[in-house]
C-alpha atoms as a PDB file:
ATOM      1  CA  MET A   1     -52.745  40.396 -53.383  1.00  0.00           C
ATOM      2  CA  ARG A   2     -49.304  39.287 -54.371  1.00  0.00           C
ATOM      3  CA  ILE A   3     -46.267  41.206 -53.143  1.00  0.00           C
ATOM      4  CA  THR A   4     -43.308  41.155 -55.447  1.00  0.00           C
ATOM      5  CA  ARG A   5     -39.920  42.425 -54.565  1.00  0.00           C
ATOM      6  CA  SER A   6     -38.094  44.549 -56.967  1.00  0.00           C
ATOM      7  CA  ALA A   7     -34.988  42.719 -58.036  1.00  0.00           C
ATOM      8  CA  THR A   8     -33.306  45.854 -59.245  1.00  0.00           C
ATOM      9  CA  ALA A   9     -33.198  47.756 -55.939  1.00  0.00           C
ATOM     10  CA  PRO A  10     -30.796  45.440 -54.050  1.00  0.00           C
ATOM     11  CA  ASP A  11     -28.723  44.866 -57.183  1.00  0.00           C
ATOM     12  CA  THR A  12     -28.382  48.601 -57.749  1.00  0.00           C
ATOM     13  CA  ALA A  13     -27.289  49.172 -54.153  1.00  0.00           C
ATOM     14  CA  LYS A  14     -24.721  46.386 -54.403  1.00  0.00           C
ATOM     15  CA  ALA A  15     -23.366  47.784 -57.658  1.00  0.00           C
ATOM     16  CA  ALA A  16     -23.034  51.234 -56.079  1.00  0.00           C
ATOM     17  CA  ASP A  17     -21.151  49.722 -53.119  1.00  0.00           C
ATOM     18  CA  ASP A  18     -18.805  47.904 -55.487  1.00  0.00           C
ATOM     19  CA  LYS A  19     -18.064  51.138 -57.333  1.00  0.00           C
ATOM     20  CA  ASP A  20     -17.285  52.943 -54.068  1.00  0.00           C
ATOM     21  CA  THR A  21     -14.970  50.148 -52.949  1.00  0.00           C
ATOM     22  CA  GLY A  22     -13.156  50.261 -56.273  1.00  0.00           C
ATOM     23  CA  LYS A  23     -12.623  54.007 -55.935  1.00  0.00           C
ATOM     24  CA  GLU A  24     -11.177  53.562 -52.448  1.00  0.00           C
ATOM     25  CA  LYS A  25      -8.774  50.908 -53.697  1.00  0.00           C
ATOM     26  CA  ASP A  26      -7.646  53.221 -56.503  1.00  0.00           C
ATOM     27  CA  LYS A  27      -6.954  56.045 -54.046  1.00  0.00           C
ATOM     28  CA  THR A  28      -4.878  53.905 -51.692  1.00  0.00           C
ATOM     29  CA  ALA A  29      -2.969  51.998 -54.371  1.00  0.00           C
ATOM     30  CA  THR A  30       0.422  53.422 -55.254  1.00  0.00           C
ATOM     31  CA  PRO A  31       0.902  53.805 -58.985  1.00  0.00           C
ATOM     32  CA  LYS A  32       3.740  51.579 -60.090  1.00  0.00           C
ATOM     33  CA  ASP A  33       5.147  53.543 -62.978  1.00  0.00           C
ATOM     34  CA  GLN A  34       8.713  54.001 -64.165  1.00  0.00           C
ATOM     35  CA  ALA A  35       9.507  56.433 -61.328  1.00  0.00           C
ATOM     36  CA  TYR A  36       8.349  53.905 -58.722  1.00  0.00           C
ATOM     37  CA  TRP A  37      10.417  51.008 -60.083  1.00  0.00           C
ATOM     38  CA  ALA A  38      13.526  53.102 -60.762  1.00  0.00           C
ATOM     39  CA  GLY A  39      13.285  54.807 -57.363  1.00  0.00           C
ATOM     40  CA  ARG A  40      12.815  51.559 -55.509  1.00  0.00           C
ATOM     41  CA  ARG A  41      15.804  49.994 -57.252  1.00  0.00           C
ATOM     42  CA  LYS A  42      17.942  53.068 -56.646  1.00  0.00           C
ATOM     43  CA  GLU A  43      17.030  53.035 -52.948  1.00  0.00           C
ATOM     44  CA  LEU A  44      17.889  49.350 -52.533  1.00  0.00           C
ATOM     45  CA  GLN A  45      21.105  49.652 -54.550  1.00  0.00           C
ATOM     46  CA  GLY A  46      22.188  52.719 -52.547  1.00  0.00           C
ATOM     47  CA  LYS A  47      21.709  50.896 -49.243  1.00  0.00           C
ATOM     48  CA  LEU A  48      23.590  47.870 -50.559  1.00  0.00           C
ATOM     49  CA  ASP A  49      26.491  50.030 -51.773  1.00  0.00           C
ATOM     50  CA  SER A  50      26.627  51.867 -48.445  1.00  0.00           C
ATOM     51  CA  ASP A  51      26.667  48.622 -46.469  1.00  0.00           C
ATOM     52  CA  GLN A  52      29.402  47.209 -48.707  1.00  0.00           C
ATOM     53  CA  THR A  53      31.550  50.312 -48.245  1.00  0.00           C
ATOM     54  CA  LEU A  54      31.100  50.194 -44.472  1.00  0.00           C
ATOM     55  CA  ALA A  55      31.952  46.490 -44.416  1.00  0.00           C
ATOM     56  CA  ASP A  56      35.159  47.120 -46.344  1.00  0.00           C
ATOM     57  CA  ALA A  57      36.164  49.931 -43.969  1.00  0.00           C
ATOM     58  CA  LEU A  58      35.320  47.805 -40.959  1.00  0.00           C
ATOM     59  CA  GLN A  59      37.438  44.946 -42.308  1.00  0.00           C
ATOM     60  CA  SER A  60      40.385  47.346 -42.566  1.00  0.00           C
ATOM     61  CA  ARG A  61      39.804  48.415 -38.954  1.00  0.00           C
ATOM     62  CA  ILE A  62      39.688  44.776 -37.837  1.00  0.00           C
ATOM     63  CA  ASN A  63      42.952  44.080 -39.630  1.00  0.00           C
ATOM     64  CA  ALA A  64      44.583  47.075 -37.920  1.00  0.00           C
ATOM     65  CA  LEU A  65      43.255  46.036 -34.509  1.00  0.00           C
ATOM     66  CA  THR A  66      44.532  42.484 -35.031  1.00  0.00           C
ATOM     67  CA  ALA A  67      47.996  43.815 -35.855  1.00  0.00           C
ATOM     68  CA  ASP A  68      47.849  46.169 -32.854  1.00  0.00           C
ATOM     69  CA  PHE A  69      46.807  43.299 -30.593  1.00  0.00           C
ATOM     70  CA  SER A  70      49.803  41.228 -31.727  1.00  0.00           C
ATOM     71  CA  SER A  71      52.247  44.040 -31.091  1.00  0.00           C
ATOM     72  CA  ARG A  72      51.068  44.803 -27.539  1.00  0.00           C
ATOM     73  CA  ALA A  73      52.774  43.143 -24.586  1.00  0.00           C
ATOM     74  CA  ASP A  74      50.723  44.728 -21.791  1.00  0.00           C
ATOM     75  CA  PRO A  75      47.725  42.473 -20.936  1.00  0.00           C
ATOM     76  CA  VAL A  76      45.504  45.459 -20.047  1.00  0.00           C
ATOM     77  CA  GLN A  77      46.162  47.128 -23.399  1.00  0.00           C
ATOM     78  CA  ARG A  78      45.675  43.838 -25.230  1.00  0.00           C
ATOM     79  CA  ALA A  79      42.312  43.350 -23.490  1.00  0.00           C
ATOM     80  CA  GLY A  80      41.152  46.794 -24.625  1.00  0.00           C
ATOM     81  CA  VAL A  81      42.245  46.171 -28.211  1.00  0.00           C
ATOM     82  CA  GLU A  82      40.629  42.728 -28.183  1.00  0.00           C
ATOM     83  CA  ARG A  83      37.346  44.197 -26.899  1.00  0.00           C
ATOM     84  CA  ASP A  84      37.335  46.738 -29.753  1.00  0.00           C
ATOM     85  CA  ARG A  85      38.203  44.020 -32.271  1.00  0.00           C
ATOM     86  CA  LEU A  86      35.372  41.759 -31.090  1.00  0.00           C
ATOM     87  CA  LYS A  87      32.919  44.650 -31.265  1.00  0.00           C
ATOM     88  CA  ALA A  88      34.055  45.397 -34.820  1.00  0.00           C
ATOM     89  CA  LEU A  89      33.725  41.711 -35.751  1.00  0.00           C
ATOM     90  CA  SER A  90      30.126  41.580 -34.506  1.00  0.00           C
ATOM     91  CA  GLU A  91      29.323  44.752 -36.460  1.00  0.00           C
ATOM     92  CA  LEU A  92      30.920  43.225 -39.555  1.00  0.00           C
ATOM     93  CA  ASP A  93      28.726  40.133 -39.168  1.00  0.00           C
ATOM     94  CA  ARG A  94      25.658  42.378 -38.966  1.00  0.00           C
ATOM     95  CA  LEU A  95      26.729  44.253 -42.098  1.00  0.00           C
ATOM     96  CA  ARG A  96      27.365  41.033 -44.005  1.00  0.00           C
ATOM     97  CA  LYS A  97      23.849  39.853 -43.157  1.00  0.00           C
ATOM     98  CA  SER A  98      22.493  43.200 -44.298  1.00  0.00           C
ATOM     99  CA  ILE A  99      24.406  42.851 -47.576  1.00  0.00           C
ATOM    100  CA  VAL A 100      22.945  39.386 -48.173  1.00  0.00           C
ATOM    101  CA  ASP A 101      19.457  40.726 -47.377  1.00  0.00           C
ATOM    102  CA  GLY A 102      20.031  43.679 -49.723  1.00  0.00           C
ATOM    103  CA  LYS A 103      21.055  41.421 -52.589  1.00  0.00           C
ATOM    104  CA  LYS A 104      17.980  39.279 -51.984  1.00  0.00           C
ATOM    105  CA  ALA A 105      15.766  42.380 -51.952  1.00  0.00           C
ATOM    106  CA  LEU A 106      17.208  43.460 -55.317  1.00  0.00           C
ATOM    107  CA  THR A 107      16.607  39.998 -56.762  1.00  0.00           C
ATOM    108  CA  ASP A 108      13.052  40.020 -55.405  1.00  0.00           C
ATOM    109  CA  LEU A 109      12.447  43.470 -56.912  1.00  0.00           C
ATOM    110  CA  ASP A 110      13.682  42.266 -60.295  1.00  0.00           C
ATOM    111  CA  GLU A 111      11.389  39.236 -60.063  1.00  0.00           C
ATOM    112  CA  ASP A 112       8.387  41.360 -59.033  1.00  0.00           C
ATOM    113  CA  ALA A 113       9.058  43.732 -61.923  1.00  0.00           C
ATOM    114  CA  ARG A 114       9.329  40.833 -64.349  1.00  0.00           C
ATOM    115  CA  LYS A 115       6.006  39.421 -63.142  1.00  0.00           C
ATOM    116  CA  ALA A 116       4.398  42.859 -63.481  1.00  0.00           C
ATOM    117  CA  GLY A 117       5.614  43.140 -67.066  1.00  0.00           C
ATOM    118  CA  VAL A 118       7.886  46.114 -66.357  1.00  0.00           C
ATOM    119  CA  PRO A 119      10.298  46.947 -69.203  1.00  0.00           C
ATOM    120  CA  ALA A 120      13.901  46.165 -68.237  1.00  0.00           C
ATOM    121  CA  GLY A 121      14.978  49.737 -68.961  1.00  0.00           C
ATOM    122  CA  TRP A 122      12.874  51.021 -66.078  1.00  0.00           C
ATOM    123  CA  LEU A 123      15.127  49.283 -63.566  1.00  0.00           C
ATOM    124  CA  ARG A 124      18.377  50.780 -64.756  1.00  0.00           C
END
């Protein structure tokens, strides 16, 4: 007596597993339509604009603190002004790095959209 294995049973089970896996991927994948691309760009651009505005305001504060430092004769007052100025300078450095990162993120988004074949109008 010769025992033969059915070739279709394991293949059918594997095909069913593949279909289930594909459905799970579809459920977890975010659709990348016009709303996704436009929203992502708007979010990144908004953060970049906010950081730029804060950096400009902080630069004005630094300029005022520098002028205040120069006009003070009392060493205690000068030390307090200098402390505030140094704190503002470190915050400005952080904002400038954030601005550079934001510009890079926008460039990366544009490149990802180009690779995905997204129409240019979707990113405006």
